[in-house]
Amino acid sequence: MKSHFKDTGLTLVELLVVLAIVAVSLTLVFTTVGTGLGRKQDRRFVLDLGGVLSKARTQAVSNGQVTAVVFSENDRQCWIAESRDKALGIPEDLEIQARGVLYADDVFYVLFYPDGASSGAELVVARRGTVLGRLRVDSLTGLAMAAEGM
């Protein structure tokens, strides 16, 4: 019996069309994954910053003395005053805008008191003008809380 089907493969044009579709799809996937990873790292930094503030409050209460979190714009780091060796690096492309903080030279401070209160602050983490997260340090309770924009 004779077969009515021809043994044909893909033509070069069909193969090129398939490769073009795959290339476009991979470009979209990698772009989306890259953006998602960047957002995750930004969120991680804001959470780590909140952790530094909370740790400073805990130290102030447990040690019974004023504890400062220091932010250096030149060094691109923040740390609890007594332990600069455990500084949190501020990524180069991020900026921290601060309101209600104490300034001295190229650094600013948020103070935490032994009774749990603080000097208060609002910290805005941004990249090229786009707000990535906000942390508000309550002056009465000393608690660092994420505000809108997270």
N, C-alpha and C. Protein backbone atom coordinates (compact mmCIF):
# COMPACT_ATOMS: atom_id res chain seq x y z
N MET A 1 0.83 -1.17 0.00
CA MET A 1 0.00 0.00 0.00
C MET A 1 0.88 1.24 0.00
N LYS A 2 0.47 2.19 -0.76
CA LYS A 2 1.22 3.41 -0.93
C LYS A 2 0.80 4.44 0.11
N SER A 3 1.76 5.16 0.72
CA SER A 3 1.46 6.19 1.71
C SER A 3 1.17 7.51 1.00
N HIS A 4 0.15 8.22 1.51
CA HIS A 4 -0.19 9.51 0.95
C HIS A 4 0.57 10.65 1.63
N PHE A 5 1.31 10.34 2.70
CA PHE A 5 2.05 11.37 3.44
C PHE A 5 3.47 11.45 2.93
N LYS A 6 3.93 12.65 2.79
CA LYS A 6 5.32 12.86 2.38
C LYS A 6 6.18 12.98 3.63
N ASP A 7 7.37 12.50 3.57
CA ASP A 7 8.31 12.67 4.68
C ASP A 7 8.97 14.03 4.53
N THR A 8 8.38 15.00 5.20
CA THR A 8 8.94 16.34 5.13
C THR A 8 9.32 16.80 6.52
N GLY A 9 10.32 17.62 6.59
CA GLY A 9 10.75 18.21 7.86
C GLY A 9 10.32 19.65 7.90
N LEU A 10 10.92 20.36 8.81
CA LEU A 10 10.62 21.79 8.92
C LEU A 10 11.43 22.54 7.86
N THR A 11 10.80 23.52 7.32
CA THR A 11 11.55 24.37 6.39
C THR A 11 12.38 25.35 7.21
N LEU A 12 13.32 25.97 6.61
CA LEU A 12 14.19 26.94 7.29
C LEU A 12 13.37 28.10 7.82
N VAL A 13 12.38 28.54 7.08
CA VAL A 13 11.53 29.66 7.53
C VAL A 13 10.75 29.27 8.77
N GLU A 14 10.18 28.07 8.79
CA GLU A 14 9.43 27.62 9.96
C GLU A 14 10.34 27.53 11.19
N LEU A 15 11.54 27.03 11.00
CA LEU A 15 12.49 26.91 12.09
C LEU A 15 12.88 28.30 12.63
N LEU A 16 13.09 29.26 11.76
CA LEU A 16 13.43 30.61 12.18
C LEU A 16 12.27 31.27 12.93
N VAL A 17 11.05 31.03 12.51
CA VAL A 17 9.88 31.59 13.20
C VAL A 17 9.79 31.02 14.62
N VAL A 18 10.00 29.71 14.75
CA VAL A 18 9.95 29.09 16.08
C VAL A 18 11.06 29.66 16.97
N LEU A 19 12.26 29.80 16.44
CA LEU A 19 13.37 30.35 17.22
C LEU A 19 13.09 31.80 17.63
N ALA A 20 12.50 32.58 16.76
CA ALA A 20 12.16 33.96 17.10
C ALA A 20 11.13 34.01 18.22
N ILE A 21 10.14 33.15 18.17
CA ILE A 21 9.12 33.10 19.23
C ILE A 21 9.75 32.71 20.56
N VAL A 22 10.65 31.73 20.55
CA VAL A 22 11.33 31.30 21.77
C VAL A 22 12.19 32.44 22.32
N ALA A 23 12.90 33.14 21.45
CA ALA A 23 13.76 34.25 21.89
C ALA A 23 12.95 35.36 22.55
N VAL A 24 11.82 35.73 21.96
CA VAL A 24 10.97 36.77 22.54
C VAL A 24 10.41 36.31 23.88
N SER A 25 9.99 35.07 23.96
CA SER A 25 9.45 34.53 25.22
C SER A 25 10.50 34.55 26.32
N LEU A 26 11.72 34.12 26.00
CA LEU A 26 12.79 34.12 27.00
C LEU A 26 13.14 35.54 27.45
N THR A 27 13.13 36.48 26.54
CA THR A 27 13.39 37.87 26.90
C THR A 27 12.36 38.38 27.90
N LEU A 28 11.09 38.08 27.65
CA LEU A 28 10.03 38.50 28.57
C LEU A 28 10.18 37.84 29.93
N VAL A 29 10.51 36.55 29.94
CA VAL A 29 10.67 35.82 31.20
C VAL A 29 11.83 36.40 32.01
N PHE A 30 12.99 36.59 31.38
CA PHE A 30 14.16 37.09 32.10
C PHE A 30 13.95 38.52 32.59
N THR A 31 13.27 39.33 31.83
CA THR A 31 12.98 40.69 32.26
C THR A 31 12.09 40.68 33.50
N THR A 32 11.07 39.85 33.49
CA THR A 32 10.16 39.75 34.63
C THR A 32 10.86 39.20 35.86
N VAL A 33 11.67 38.16 35.68
CA VAL A 33 12.39 37.57 36.81
C VAL A 33 13.38 38.58 37.39
N GLY A 34 14.11 39.30 36.53
CA GLY A 34 15.07 40.30 37.00
C GLY A 34 14.40 41.40 37.80
N THR A 35 13.26 41.88 37.35
CA THR A 35 12.52 42.91 38.07
C THR A 35 12.03 42.38 39.41
N GLY A 36 11.55 41.15 39.43
CA GLY A 36 11.08 40.55 40.68
C GLY A 36 12.19 40.39 41.70
N LEU A 37 13.38 39.99 41.25
CA LEU A 37 14.51 39.85 42.17
C LEU A 37 14.92 41.19 42.75
N GLY A 38 14.90 42.24 41.91
CA GLY A 38 15.24 43.57 42.40
C GLY A 38 14.28 44.04 43.47
N ARG A 39 12.99 43.80 43.26
CA ARG A 39 11.99 44.18 44.27
C ARG A 39 12.19 43.41 45.56
N LYS A 40 12.53 42.13 45.44
CA LYS A 40 12.75 41.32 46.63
C LYS A 40 13.95 41.85 47.44
N GLN A 41 15.02 42.23 46.75
CA GLN A 41 16.19 42.78 47.44
C GLN A 41 15.87 44.11 48.10
N ASP A 42 15.07 44.94 47.43
CA ASP A 42 14.66 46.23 48.01
C ASP A 42 13.86 46.00 49.28
N ARG A 43 12.91 45.09 49.21
CA ARG A 43 12.07 44.78 50.38
C ARG A 43 12.93 44.22 51.51
N ARG A 44 13.90 43.38 51.17
CA ARG A 44 14.80 42.80 52.17
C ARG A 44 15.59 43.90 52.88
N PHE A 45 16.06 44.91 52.14
CA PHE A 45 16.80 46.01 52.76
C PHE A 45 15.91 46.78 53.73
N VAL A 46 14.69 47.09 53.32
CA VAL A 46 13.77 47.83 54.19
C VAL A 46 13.49 47.02 55.45
N LEU A 47 13.29 45.71 55.31
CA LEU A 47 13.06 44.86 56.48
C LEU A 47 14.30 44.81 57.39
N ASP A 48 15.49 44.71 56.78
CA ASP A 48 16.72 44.72 57.58
C ASP A 48 16.89 46.03 58.33
N LEU A 49 16.55 47.13 57.68
CA LEU A 49 16.63 48.44 58.32
C LEU A 49 15.67 48.51 59.51
N GLY A 50 14.47 47.99 59.34
CA GLY A 50 13.52 47.92 60.46
C GLY A 50 14.07 47.06 61.59
N GLY A 51 14.78 45.99 61.24
CA GLY A 51 15.39 45.13 62.25
C GLY A 51 16.46 45.84 63.06
N VAL A 52 17.27 46.67 62.40
CA VAL A 52 18.31 47.45 63.10
C VAL A 52 17.65 48.41 64.08
N LEU A 53 16.58 49.07 63.65
CA LEU A 53 15.88 50.02 64.53
C LEU A 53 15.27 49.29 65.73
N SER A 54 14.64 48.15 65.49
CA SER A 54 14.04 47.38 66.59
C SER A 54 15.09 46.87 67.56
N LYS A 55 16.22 46.44 67.02
CA LYS A 55 17.30 45.94 67.89
C LYS A 55 17.84 47.07 68.77
N ALA A 56 17.95 48.26 68.21
CA ALA A 56 18.44 49.40 69.00
C ALA A 56 17.49 49.73 70.14
N ARG A 57 16.18 49.67 69.88
CA ARG A 57 15.20 49.92 70.94
C ARG A 57 15.34 48.89 72.04
N THR A 58 15.48 47.62 71.65
CA THR A 58 15.62 46.54 72.62
C THR A 58 16.88 46.74 73.47
N GLN A 59 17.97 47.13 72.83
CA GLN A 59 19.21 47.37 73.58
C GLN A 59 19.05 48.53 74.56
N ALA A 60 18.38 49.59 74.14
CA ALA A 60 18.19 50.75 75.02
C ALA A 60 17.42 50.35 76.27
N VAL A 61 16.36 49.58 76.08
CA VAL A 61 15.53 49.16 77.22
C VAL A 61 16.29 48.19 78.11
N SER A 62 16.96 47.20 77.51
CA SER A 62 17.63 46.19 78.33
C SER A 62 18.90 46.71 79.01
N ASN A 63 19.62 47.64 78.36
CA ASN A 63 20.85 48.18 78.97
C ASN A 63 20.59 49.40 79.84
N GLY A 64 19.40 49.98 79.73
CA GLY A 64 19.06 51.15 80.55
C GLY A 64 19.81 52.40 80.14
N GLN A 65 20.19 52.50 78.86
CA GLN A 65 20.88 53.71 78.41
C GLN A 65 20.45 54.07 76.99
N VAL A 66 20.63 55.34 76.65
CA VAL A 66 20.25 55.83 75.33
C VAL A 66 21.09 55.10 74.28
N THR A 67 20.41 54.64 73.23
CA THR A 67 21.08 53.94 72.13
C THR A 67 20.74 54.65 70.84
N ALA A 68 21.74 54.87 70.01
CA ALA A 68 21.54 55.59 68.75
C ALA A 68 21.73 54.66 67.55
N VAL A 69 20.91 54.88 66.54
CA VAL A 69 21.16 54.28 65.23
C VAL A 69 21.72 55.41 64.37
N VAL A 70 22.89 55.18 63.82
CA VAL A 70 23.61 56.20 63.06
C VAL A 70 23.51 55.86 61.57
N PHE A 71 23.23 56.87 60.76
CA PHE A 71 23.17 56.73 59.31
C PHE A 71 24.24 57.63 58.72
N SER A 72 25.17 57.05 57.97
CA SER A 72 26.22 57.84 57.34
C SER A 72 25.95 57.90 55.84
N GLU A 73 25.75 59.11 55.35
CA GLU A 73 25.50 59.28 53.91
C GLU A 73 26.77 59.04 53.12
N ASN A 74 27.93 59.42 53.65
CA ASN A 74 29.20 59.23 52.94
C ASN A 74 29.62 57.76 52.90
N ASP A 75 29.49 57.07 54.02
CA ASP A 75 29.89 55.66 54.10
C ASP A 75 28.83 54.71 53.56
N ARG A 76 27.62 55.22 53.35
CA ARG A 76 26.49 54.43 52.87
C ARG A 76 26.24 53.22 53.78
N GLN A 77 26.19 53.53 55.09
CA GLN A 77 25.94 52.49 56.09
C GLN A 77 25.09 53.05 57.21
N CYS A 78 24.43 52.14 57.93
CA CYS A 78 23.78 52.51 59.19
C CYS A 78 24.13 51.43 60.20
N TRP A 79 24.19 51.84 61.47
CA TRP A 79 24.61 50.92 62.51
C TRP A 79 24.13 51.40 63.86
N ILE A 80 24.10 50.48 64.81
CA ILE A 80 23.83 50.83 66.20
C ILE A 80 25.15 51.37 66.75
N ALA A 81 25.10 52.53 67.40
CA ALA A 81 26.31 53.27 67.78
C ALA A 81 27.38 52.40 68.45
N GLU A 82 27.00 51.47 69.27
CA GLU A 82 27.98 50.66 70.00
C GLU A 82 28.57 49.54 69.16
N SER A 83 28.04 49.29 67.97
CA SER A 83 28.52 48.13 67.20
C SER A 83 28.61 48.45 65.71
N ARG A 84 29.53 49.33 65.38
CA ARG A 84 29.68 49.71 63.96
C ARG A 84 30.15 48.53 63.11
N ASP A 85 30.82 47.56 63.73
CA ASP A 85 31.29 46.40 62.98
C ASP A 85 30.13 45.58 62.39
N LYS A 86 28.92 45.81 62.88
CA LYS A 86 27.74 45.10 62.37
C LYS A 86 26.87 46.04 61.54
N ALA A 87 27.52 46.92 60.80
CA ALA A 87 26.79 47.93 60.02
C ALA A 87 26.01 47.29 58.88
N LEU A 88 24.88 47.92 58.57
CA LEU A 88 24.06 47.52 57.43
C LEU A 88 24.42 48.43 56.27
N GLY A 89 24.90 47.84 55.19
CA GLY A 89 25.26 48.62 54.01
C GLY A 89 24.02 49.12 53.28
N ILE A 90 24.08 50.35 52.84
CA ILE A 90 22.98 50.93 52.05
C ILE A 90 23.36 50.78 50.59
N PRO A 91 22.58 50.03 49.80
CA PRO A 91 22.92 49.84 48.39
C PRO A 91 23.12 51.17 47.66
N GLU A 92 24.06 51.19 46.74
CA GLU A 92 24.45 52.41 46.03
C GLU A 92 23.29 53.11 45.34
N ASP A 93 22.37 52.34 44.79
CA ASP A 93 21.28 52.96 44.02
C ASP A 93 20.09 53.37 44.88
N LEU A 94 20.17 53.15 46.20
CA LEU A 94 19.09 53.54 47.10
C LEU A 94 19.46 54.79 47.87
N GLU A 95 18.45 55.55 48.23
CA GLU A 95 18.67 56.71 49.09
C GLU A 95 17.68 56.64 50.24
N ILE A 96 18.11 57.16 51.37
CA ILE A 96 17.24 57.22 52.54
C ILE A 96 16.95 58.69 52.82
N GLN A 97 15.69 59.04 52.72
CA GLN A 97 15.25 60.39 53.06
C GLN A 97 14.71 60.33 54.47
N ALA A 98 15.17 61.24 55.31
CA ALA A 98 14.80 61.18 56.73
C ALA A 98 14.15 62.47 57.18
N ARG A 99 13.10 62.32 57.98
CA ARG A 99 12.44 63.46 58.61
C ARG A 99 12.36 63.21 60.11
N GLY A 100 12.55 64.27 60.88
CA GLY A 100 12.44 64.15 62.33
C GLY A 100 13.64 63.49 62.98
N VAL A 101 14.79 63.53 62.33
CA VAL A 101 16.00 62.92 62.89
C VAL A 101 16.96 64.01 63.34
N LEU A 102 17.98 63.62 64.07
CA LEU A 102 19.01 64.55 64.53
C LEU A 102 20.19 64.49 63.56
N TYR A 103 20.66 65.65 63.12
CA TYR A 103 21.77 65.72 62.16
C TYR A 103 23.04 66.22 62.83
N ALA A 104 24.17 65.68 62.38
CA ALA A 104 25.49 66.18 62.78
C ALA A 104 26.46 65.80 61.66
N ASP A 105 27.07 66.81 61.04
CA ASP A 105 27.99 66.61 59.93
C ASP A 105 27.33 65.80 58.81
N ASP A 106 27.94 64.67 58.44
CA ASP A 106 27.40 63.87 57.35
C ASP A 106 26.58 62.68 57.84
N VAL A 107 26.20 62.70 59.11
CA VAL A 107 25.42 61.59 59.66
C VAL A 107 24.12 62.12 60.27
N PHE A 108 23.15 61.21 60.38
CA PHE A 108 21.96 61.54 61.16
C PHE A 108 21.66 60.37 62.08
N TYR A 109 20.90 60.67 63.14
CA TYR A 109 20.67 59.72 64.21
C TYR A 109 19.18 59.54 64.49
N VAL A 110 18.86 58.35 64.96
CA VAL A 110 17.57 58.10 65.61
C VAL A 110 17.94 57.57 66.99
N LEU A 111 17.44 58.25 68.03
CA LEU A 111 17.77 57.85 69.41
C LEU A 111 16.65 57.03 70.02
N PHE A 112 17.05 56.03 70.81
CA PHE A 112 16.11 55.20 71.56
C PHE A 112 16.46 55.33 73.04
N TYR A 113 15.42 55.53 73.86
CA TYR A 113 15.61 55.81 75.28
C TYR A 113 15.30 54.58 76.12
N PRO A 114 15.84 54.52 77.34
CA PRO A 114 15.64 53.36 78.22
C PRO A 114 14.18 53.06 78.54
N ASP A 115 13.30 54.07 78.47
CA ASP A 115 11.88 53.81 78.76
C ASP A 115 11.12 53.28 77.54
N GLY A 116 11.83 53.03 76.44
CA GLY A 116 11.20 52.49 75.24
C GLY A 116 10.83 53.55 74.21
N ALA A 117 10.88 54.81 74.59
CA ALA A 117 10.54 55.89 73.66
C ALA A 117 11.71 56.13 72.71
N SER A 118 11.50 57.04 71.76
CA SER A 118 12.56 57.37 70.81
C SER A 118 12.48 58.83 70.42
N SER A 119 13.48 59.27 69.67
CA SER A 119 13.44 60.64 69.15
C SER A 119 12.44 60.75 68.00
N GLY A 120 12.00 59.62 67.50
CA GLY A 120 11.02 59.59 66.41
C GLY A 120 11.68 59.85 65.07
N ALA A 121 11.09 59.33 64.02
CA ALA A 121 11.63 59.55 62.67
C ALA A 121 10.68 58.97 61.65
N GLU A 122 10.80 59.49 60.45
CA GLU A 122 10.19 58.84 59.29
C GLU A 122 11.29 58.66 58.27
N LEU A 123 11.53 57.42 57.88
CA LEU A 123 12.58 57.09 56.92
C LEU A 123 11.92 56.60 55.64
N VAL A 124 12.29 57.20 54.54
CA VAL A 124 11.75 56.82 53.24
C VAL A 124 12.90 56.26 52.40
N VAL A 125 12.76 55.02 51.97
CA VAL A 125 13.76 54.38 51.11
C VAL A 125 13.27 54.53 49.68
N ALA A 126 14.13 55.11 48.83
CA ALA A 126 13.71 55.38 47.46
C ALA A 126 14.84 55.07 46.48
N ARG A 127 14.46 54.87 45.24
CA ARG A 127 15.40 54.72 44.14
C ARG A 127 14.98 55.66 43.04
N ARG A 128 15.83 56.61 42.72
CA ARG A 128 15.57 57.59 41.66
C ARG A 128 14.18 58.21 41.79
N GLY A 129 13.82 58.59 43.01
CA GLY A 129 12.55 59.27 43.24
C GLY A 129 11.37 58.35 43.45
N THR A 130 11.52 57.05 43.21
CA THR A 130 10.43 56.10 43.41
C THR A 130 10.52 55.53 44.82
N VAL A 131 9.47 55.72 45.60
CA VAL A 131 9.46 55.24 46.99
C VAL A 131 9.33 53.72 47.00
N LEU A 132 10.26 53.07 47.68
CA LEU A 132 10.25 51.60 47.79
C LEU A 132 9.68 51.16 49.13
N GLY A 133 9.81 51.99 50.14
CA GLY A 133 9.30 51.65 51.45
C GLY A 133 9.44 52.80 52.42
N ARG A 134 8.61 52.78 53.44
CA ARG A 134 8.64 53.80 54.50
C ARG A 134 8.66 53.12 55.85
N LEU A 135 9.50 53.64 56.72
CA LEU A 135 9.52 53.18 58.11
C LEU A 135 9.27 54.39 59.00
N ARG A 136 8.36 54.22 59.92
CA ARG A 136 8.04 55.28 60.87
C ARG A 136 8.43 54.79 62.26
N VAL A 137 9.26 55.57 62.95
CA VAL A 137 9.65 55.25 64.32
C VAL A 137 8.82 56.14 65.23
N ASP A 138 7.93 55.53 65.99
CA ASP A 138 7.03 56.27 66.87
C ASP A 138 7.83 56.86 68.04
N SER A 139 7.58 58.13 68.33
CA SER A 139 8.35 58.78 69.40
C SER A 139 7.91 58.32 70.79
N LEU A 140 6.66 57.94 70.96
CA LEU A 140 6.21 57.49 72.28
C LEU A 140 6.57 56.05 72.59
N THR A 141 6.37 55.16 71.62
CA THR A 141 6.63 53.74 71.88
C THR A 141 7.99 53.28 71.39
N GLY A 142 8.62 54.05 70.49
CA GLY A 142 9.90 53.67 69.93
C GLY A 142 9.82 52.54 68.92
N LEU A 143 8.62 52.12 68.58
CA LEU A 143 8.45 51.01 67.64
C LEU A 143 8.65 51.48 66.21
N ALA A 144 9.39 50.67 65.44
CA ALA A 144 9.58 50.95 64.01
C ALA A 144 8.53 50.18 63.24
N MET A 145 7.71 50.89 62.49
CA MET A 145 6.60 50.27 61.77
C MET A 145 6.68 50.62 60.29
N ALA A 146 6.35 49.66 59.46
CA ALA A 146 6.25 49.93 58.02
C ALA A 146 5.02 50.77 57.76
N ALA A 147 5.21 51.83 57.01
CA ALA A 147 4.08 52.67 56.61
C ALA A 147 3.66 52.30 55.20
N GLU A 148 2.70 53.01 54.63
CA GLU A 148 2.25 52.69 53.28
C GLU A 148 3.41 52.83 52.32
N GLY A 149 3.31 52.17 51.18
CA GLY A 149 4.35 52.20 50.19
C GLY A 149 5.23 50.96 50.22
N MET A 150 4.91 50.00 51.08
CA MET A 150 5.67 48.76 51.11
C MET A 150 5.09 47.85 50.10
